[in-house]
């Protein structure tokens, strides 16, 4: 539907740059559909936000469409990465909390052998554990947001807001409800599918761990 496109293009050869992230320029140009093909990617969840494969062939971009200084495009993008990480993390926490509330309600209501299954510690303990993972992740998100608002470095905190918390909570919600957790009627199967996304976007768990090891623990770069 868009008529403009944001493009990050290398304008200086990598071997001529001091750092690999130098020499890339940002442009906002017209989405010329005679030169650009856009194909919808069908996903297993989060369908409120479209995802597309974009193929660009022989597109001319005029200099007046450049954003900022030539060669500084990647550095401009860095200003958006930390708030994106914080946003995705806090979204995941909301998802995890919803899954946990649904699981707890099911555990209170579901009666087997004359007692609610939520009375059993084998049900209680995993859900309680999911709660404190979610809460610790939430506080890390708030710390990252506070640092960002004050113009301070927040990369480690934005990355470290426990990326598995929502997935862990949604998984335990499905396990609590058993076969019903696999049924669309009870919604947690949808939350489980959606909880996978924060584990791979905007960056993968492995890159997060590498970032923290390198930037926080001062370990040598591994890749």
Protein backbone atom coordinates (compact mmCIF):
# COMPACT_ATOMS: atom_id res chain seq x y z
CA UNK A 1 0.00 0.00 0.00
CA UNK A 2 2.97 2.30 0.58
CA UNK A 3 4.12 4.83 -1.99
CA UNK A 4 7.51 5.54 -0.33
CA UNK A 5 10.29 3.21 0.74
CA UNK A 6 13.20 3.58 3.18
CA UNK A 7 16.40 2.16 1.72
CA UNK A 8 19.78 1.59 3.34
CA UNK A 9 22.35 1.34 0.56
CA UNK A 10 26.11 0.93 0.60
CA UNK A 11 27.60 3.97 -1.14
CA UNK A 12 31.24 3.37 -0.18
CA UNK A 13 32.94 0.01 -0.66
CA UNK A 14 33.39 -1.88 2.62
CA UNK A 15 37.14 -2.26 2.08
CA UNK A 16 37.45 1.54 1.89
CA UNK A 17 35.74 2.05 5.26
CA UNK A 18 37.33 2.09 8.71
CA UNK A 19 34.38 0.15 10.18
CA UNK A 20 32.01 -2.27 8.39
CA UNK A 21 29.04 -0.14 9.45
CA UNK A 22 30.45 2.97 7.75
CA UNK A 23 29.76 3.87 4.14
CA UNK A 24 26.03 3.13 4.13
CA UNK A 25 23.53 5.84 3.30
CA UNK A 26 19.84 6.15 4.11
CA UNK A 27 17.28 7.20 1.50
CA UNK A 28 13.52 7.77 1.53
CA UNK A 29 12.42 7.49 -2.08
CA UNK A 30 9.38 6.80 -4.24
CA UNK A 31 8.23 3.17 -4.30
CA UNK A 32 8.34 2.70 -8.06
CA UNK A 33 6.45 -0.55 -8.63
CA UNK A 34 7.87 -0.87 -12.14
CA UNK A 35 11.25 -1.39 -10.46
CA UNK A 36 10.20 -2.79 -7.08
CA UNK A 37 8.20 -5.97 -6.51
CA UNK A 38 6.45 -6.41 -3.18
CA UNK A 39 5.19 -9.85 -2.13
CA UNK A 40 3.22 -10.56 1.04
CA UNK A 41 4.78 -13.14 3.37
CA UNK A 42 2.12 -15.22 5.11
CA UNK A 43 3.01 -15.77 8.77
CA UNK A 44 1.79 -18.04 11.55
CA UNK A 45 0.89 -15.07 13.77
CA UNK A 46 0.97 -11.30 14.31
CA UNK A 47 -1.05 -10.77 11.17
CA UNK A 48 -2.12 -7.27 12.20
CA UNK A 49 1.31 -6.21 10.93
CA UNK A 50 2.12 -7.15 7.35
CA UNK A 51 5.47 -8.62 6.34
CA UNK A 52 6.72 -8.46 2.77
CA UNK A 53 9.55 -9.65 0.57
CA UNK A 54 10.87 -6.76 -1.52
CA UNK A 55 12.76 -7.20 -4.80
CA UNK A 56 14.50 -4.13 -6.25
CA UNK A 57 15.79 -4.18 -9.82
CA UNK A 58 17.58 -1.23 -11.47
CA UNK A 59 15.99 1.46 -9.30
CA UNK A 60 17.48 4.95 -9.61
CA UNK A 61 17.42 6.95 -6.37
CA UNK A 62 18.08 10.71 -6.68
CA UNK A 63 20.44 12.41 -4.26
CA UNK A 64 17.69 14.70 -2.96
CA UNK A 65 16.04 11.62 -1.41
CA UNK A 66 19.03 11.10 0.89
CA UNK A 67 18.44 11.33 4.64
CA UNK A 68 21.21 13.06 6.56
CA UNK A 69 24.89 12.74 5.81
CA UNK A 70 26.23 10.33 3.19
CA UNK A 71 27.79 7.24 4.72
CA UNK A 72 26.09 7.67 8.11
CA UNK A 73 22.88 5.77 7.38
CA UNK A 74 23.54 2.78 9.61
CA UNK A 75 24.42 5.04 12.54
CA UNK A 76 21.08 6.84 12.12
CA UNK A 77 19.28 3.49 12.23
CA UNK A 78 20.95 2.68 15.56
CA UNK A 79 18.85 5.43 17.15
CA UNK A 80 15.74 3.39 16.38
CA UNK A 81 17.03 -0.05 17.39
CA UNK A 82 17.01 0.39 21.18
CA UNK A 83 13.43 1.74 21.42
CA UNK A 84 12.35 -1.04 19.05
CA UNK A 85 13.91 -3.63 21.35
CA UNK A 86 12.20 -2.07 24.38
CA UNK A 87 8.85 -1.97 22.56
CA UNK A 88 9.06 -5.59 21.44
CA UNK A 89 10.09 -6.73 24.93
CA UNK A 90 7.25 -4.91 26.72
CA UNK A 91 4.80 -6.21 24.09
CA UNK A 92 6.05 -9.73 24.82
CA UNK A 93 5.55 -9.20 28.55
CA UNK A 94 1.93 -8.21 27.96
CA UNK A 95 1.45 -11.33 25.89
CA UNK A 96 3.04 -13.48 28.61
CA UNK A 97 0.87 -11.93 31.31
CA UNK A 98 -2.28 -12.64 29.31
CA UNK A 99 -1.24 -16.27 28.83
CA UNK A 100 -0.47 -16.58 32.55
CA UNK A 101 -3.83 -15.12 33.60
CA UNK A 102 -5.68 -17.51 31.30
CA UNK A 103 -3.70 -20.47 32.64
CA UNK A 104 -4.34 -19.48 36.27
CA UNK A 105 -8.07 -19.08 35.65
CA UNK A 106 -8.21 -22.49 33.97
CA UNK A 107 -6.30 -24.02 36.91
CA UNK A 108 -8.80 -22.52 39.36
CA UNK A 109 -11.86 -23.65 37.41
CA UNK A 110 -10.77 -27.09 36.23
CA UNK A 111 -11.79 -29.70 38.84
CA UNK A 112 -10.32 -33.21 38.67
CA UNK A 113 -10.75 -35.88 41.38
CA UNK A 114 -12.78 -33.47 43.47
CA UNK A 115 -10.28 -30.57 43.58
CA UNK A 116 -9.14 -27.78 41.24
CA UNK A 117 -5.92 -28.67 39.44
CA UNK A 118 -4.51 -25.34 40.62
CA UNK A 119 -4.37 -26.80 44.11
CA UNK A 120 -1.55 -29.09 42.97
CA UNK A 121 1.99 -27.77 43.36
CA UNK A 122 2.98 -29.32 40.02
CA UNK A 123 0.60 -26.78 38.44
CA UNK A 124 1.19 -23.90 40.88
CA UNK A 125 4.99 -23.81 40.81
CA UNK A 126 5.56 -23.47 37.04
CA UNK A 127 2.97 -20.68 36.88
CA UNK A 128 4.47 -18.89 39.87
CA UNK A 129 7.89 -19.19 38.26
CA UNK A 130 6.52 -17.69 35.02
CA UNK A 131 5.17 -14.75 37.05
CA UNK A 132 8.51 -13.77 38.50
CA UNK A 133 10.30 -14.17 35.16
CA UNK A 134 7.76 -11.80 33.62
CA UNK A 135 8.05 -9.30 36.47
CA UNK A 136 11.86 -9.22 36.34
CA UNK A 137 11.70 -8.75 32.57
CA UNK A 138 9.22 -5.90 33.01
CA UNK A 139 11.48 -4.07 35.44
CA UNK A 140 14.43 -4.46 33.07
CA UNK A 141 12.28 -2.97 30.29
CA UNK A 142 11.37 -0.01 32.48
CA UNK A 143 15.04 0.52 33.35
CA UNK A 144 15.98 0.44 29.66
CA UNK A 145 13.20 2.92 28.81
CA UNK A 146 14.29 5.25 31.60
CA UNK A 147 17.91 5.19 30.38
CA UNK A 148 16.78 5.84 26.81
CA UNK A 149 14.55 8.76 27.88
CA UNK A 150 17.52 10.31 29.69
CA UNK A 151 19.77 9.95 26.66
CA UNK A 152 22.00 7.35 28.33
CA UNK A 153 23.35 4.10 26.85
CA UNK A 154 20.72 1.37 27.18
CA UNK A 155 21.74 -1.30 24.67
CA UNK A 156 22.50 -3.99 27.25
CA UNK A 157 19.33 -3.35 29.23
CA UNK A 158 17.15 -3.20 26.11
CA UNK A 159 18.63 -6.50 24.97
CA UNK A 160 18.56 -8.19 28.36
CA UNK A 161 14.85 -7.81 29.13
CA UNK A 162 14.50 -11.59 29.35
CA UNK A 163 13.56 -12.50 25.82
CA UNK A 164 12.29 -15.98 26.85
CA UNK A 165 9.82 -14.76 29.50
CA UNK A 166 6.77 -14.55 27.22
CA UNK A 167 7.59 -17.84 25.48
CA UNK A 168 8.07 -19.52 28.87
CA UNK A 169 4.74 -18.18 30.15
CA UNK A 170 2.82 -19.15 27.00
CA UNK A 171 4.37 -22.62 27.00
CA UNK A 172 3.37 -23.19 30.62
CA UNK A 173 -0.14 -21.92 29.85
CA UNK A 174 -0.53 -24.53 27.12
CA UNK A 175 0.89 -27.26 29.37
CA UNK A 176 -1.47 -26.25 32.20
CA UNK A 177 -4.50 -26.62 29.96
CA UNK A 178 -3.22 -29.81 28.36
CA UNK A 179 -5.22 -30.81 25.30
CA UNK A 180 -7.48 -27.78 25.74
CA UNK A 181 -4.39 -25.59 25.52
CA UNK A 182 -3.91 -26.91 22.00
CA UNK A 183 -7.47 -25.95 21.04
CA UNK A 184 -8.19 -22.57 19.49
CA UNK A 185 -11.17 -22.09 21.80
CA UNK A 186 -8.95 -21.25 24.78
CA UNK A 187 -6.68 -18.73 23.00
CA UNK A 188 -3.41 -19.80 24.61
CA UNK A 189 -2.39 -21.69 21.47
CA UNK A 190 -2.50 -18.35 19.63
CA UNK A 191 -0.44 -16.66 22.35
CA UNK A 192 2.04 -19.54 22.18
CA UNK A 193 2.47 -19.03 18.43
CA UNK A 194 2.90 -15.28 18.86
CA UNK A 195 5.40 -15.73 21.70
CA UNK A 196 7.95 -17.18 19.28
CA UNK A 197 8.42 -13.85 17.49
CA UNK A 198 10.22 -11.98 20.33
CA UNK A 199 12.77 -14.81 20.37
CA UNK A 200 13.84 -14.06 16.80
CA UNK A 201 13.03 -10.36 16.31
CA UNK A 202 14.30 -7.72 16.22
CA UNK A 203 17.49 -9.74 16.89
CA UNK A 204 18.05 -13.39 17.80
CA UNK A 205 18.83 -14.68 21.28
CA UNK A 206 22.33 -15.66 20.18
CA UNK A 207 23.16 -12.11 19.05
CA UNK A 208 21.77 -10.74 22.31
CA UNK A 209 24.01 -13.04 24.33
CA UNK A 210 27.01 -12.17 22.15
CA UNK A 211 26.30 -8.45 22.61
CA UNK A 212 26.11 -8.73 26.39
CA UNK A 213 29.22 -10.92 26.56
CA UNK A 214 31.18 -8.43 24.46
CA UNK A 215 29.82 -5.07 25.70
CA UNK A 216 29.06 -5.84 29.35
CA UNK A 217 31.52 -8.61 30.28
CA UNK A 218 34.32 -7.29 28.03
CA UNK A 219 34.82 -10.67 26.33
CA UNK A 220 36.38 -10.89 22.86
CA UNK A 221 34.06 -10.71 19.86
CA UNK A 222 32.98 -14.20 18.83
CA UNK A 223 31.82 -13.61 15.26
